[in-house]
Amino acid sequence: MDSASKKKLKAYAHNLKPVVIIGQAGLTDAVLAETVIALDHHELIKVKIRAERDERKEICRQLCVKTGADLIQTIGQIGVLYRLNPKK
């Protein structure tokens, strides 16, 4: 994804609230399934990850790999993910 597209998506994501919250249990199958559903419905979502910094980076990476989404940005505990829904 090019930087101009990422810039537009960051602007769209600014007013969004986190749709998925990952707690101390980490990235479970249920959380992964909810993330896939949210990406199918919204395409652009915020994910709140309540973990240490290194662990947050790894969770974001795993989310992107397992869902096929692009990581747009991370700020603190919030990660912004985008995946185009071909059905829309």
Protein backbone atom coordinates (compact mmCIF):
# COMPACT_ATOMS: atom_id res chain seq x y z
CA MET A 1 0.00 0.00 0.00
CA ASP A 2 1.37 3.40 -0.94
CA SER A 3 1.86 6.28 1.49
CA ALA A 4 -0.92 8.43 -0.02
CA SER A 5 -3.48 5.68 0.59
CA LYS A 6 -2.23 5.16 4.14
CA LYS A 7 -2.49 8.89 4.78
CA LYS A 8 -6.15 8.93 3.68
CA LEU A 9 -6.96 5.87 5.80
CA LYS A 10 -5.29 7.45 8.84
CA ALA A 11 -7.53 10.49 8.41
CA TYR A 12 -10.65 8.30 8.15
CA ALA A 13 -9.61 6.28 11.21
CA HIS A 14 -9.08 9.36 13.38
CA ASN A 15 -12.70 9.52 14.58
CA LEU A 16 -13.23 5.76 14.91
CA LYS A 17 -13.58 4.01 18.24
CA PRO A 18 -11.86 0.65 18.87
CA VAL A 19 -14.05 -2.21 17.65
CA VAL A 20 -11.91 -5.05 19.02
CA ILE A 21 -10.20 -5.02 22.42
CA ILE A 22 -7.49 -7.57 23.18
CA GLY A 23 -6.97 -8.08 26.90
CA GLN A 24 -4.57 -10.03 29.05
CA ALA A 25 -5.51 -13.36 27.42
CA GLY A 26 -3.86 -12.15 24.24
CA LEU A 27 -4.79 -13.12 20.70
CA THR A 28 -7.27 -15.97 21.06
CA ASP A 29 -9.23 -17.73 18.34
CA ALA A 30 -12.40 -15.91 19.44
CA VAL A 31 -10.72 -12.50 19.19
CA LEU A 32 -9.32 -13.42 15.79
CA ALA A 33 -12.79 -14.47 14.58
CA GLU A 34 -14.32 -11.19 15.80
CA THR A 35 -11.56 -9.24 14.07
CA VAL A 36 -12.30 -11.01 10.78
CA ILE A 37 -16.01 -10.22 11.16
CA ALA A 38 -15.27 -6.58 11.96
CA LEU A 39 -12.94 -6.26 8.95
CA ASP A 40 -15.57 -7.81 6.67
CA HIS A 41 -18.17 -5.35 7.91
CA HIS A 42 -16.16 -2.12 8.33
CA GLU A 43 -12.94 -2.66 6.31
CA LEU A 44 -11.11 -0.07 8.48
CA ILE A 45 -11.03 -0.77 12.22
CA LYS A 46 -9.20 0.19 15.37
CA VAL A 47 -7.96 -2.51 17.72
CA LYS A 48 -7.03 -1.78 21.33
CA ILE A 49 -4.30 -4.05 22.66
CA ARG A 50 -3.71 -4.06 26.38
CA ALA A 51 -0.22 -5.52 26.61
CA GLU A 52 3.41 -4.48 26.84
CA ARG A 53 4.97 -2.65 23.88
CA ASP A 54 6.90 -5.60 22.40
CA GLU A 55 3.90 -7.88 22.83
CA ARG A 56 1.62 -5.31 21.11
CA LYS A 57 3.89 -5.24 18.07
CA GLU A 58 3.82 -9.03 17.83
CA ILE A 59 0.02 -9.17 18.24
CA CYS A 60 -0.41 -6.56 15.48
CA ARG A 61 1.88 -8.53 13.21
CA GLN A 62 -0.02 -11.78 13.90
CA LEU A 63 -3.37 -10.06 13.31
CA CYS A 64 -2.19 -8.81 9.93
CA VAL A 65 -0.82 -12.19 8.89
CA LYS A 66 -3.85 -14.21 10.04
CA THR A 67 -6.52 -11.83 8.70
CA GLY A 68 -4.77 -10.62 5.57
CA ALA A 69 -5.13 -7.00 6.71
CA ASP A 70 -2.69 -4.12 6.30
CA LEU A 71 -1.40 -2.33 9.38
CA ILE A 72 -2.02 1.37 8.77
CA GLN A 73 -0.59 2.74 12.01
CA THR A 74 -0.07 2.12 15.70
CA ILE A 75 -0.32 4.76 18.38
CA GLY A 76 0.13 3.57 21.94
CA GLN A 77 -2.30 0.73 22.58
CA ILE A 78 -4.28 1.34 19.39
CA GLY A 79 -3.63 -0.32 16.05
CA VAL A 80 -5.47 0.58 12.83
CA LEU A 81 -6.11 -2.27 10.40
CA TYR A 82 -7.48 -2.18 6.86
CA ARG A 83 -8.64 -4.97 4.60
CA LEU A 84 -10.65 -4.38 1.46
CA ASN A 85 -13.91 -6.32 1.32
CA PRO A 86 -14.34 -7.51 -2.28
CA LYS A 87 -18.10 -8.05 -1.75
CA LYS A 88 -18.71 -4.31 -1.23
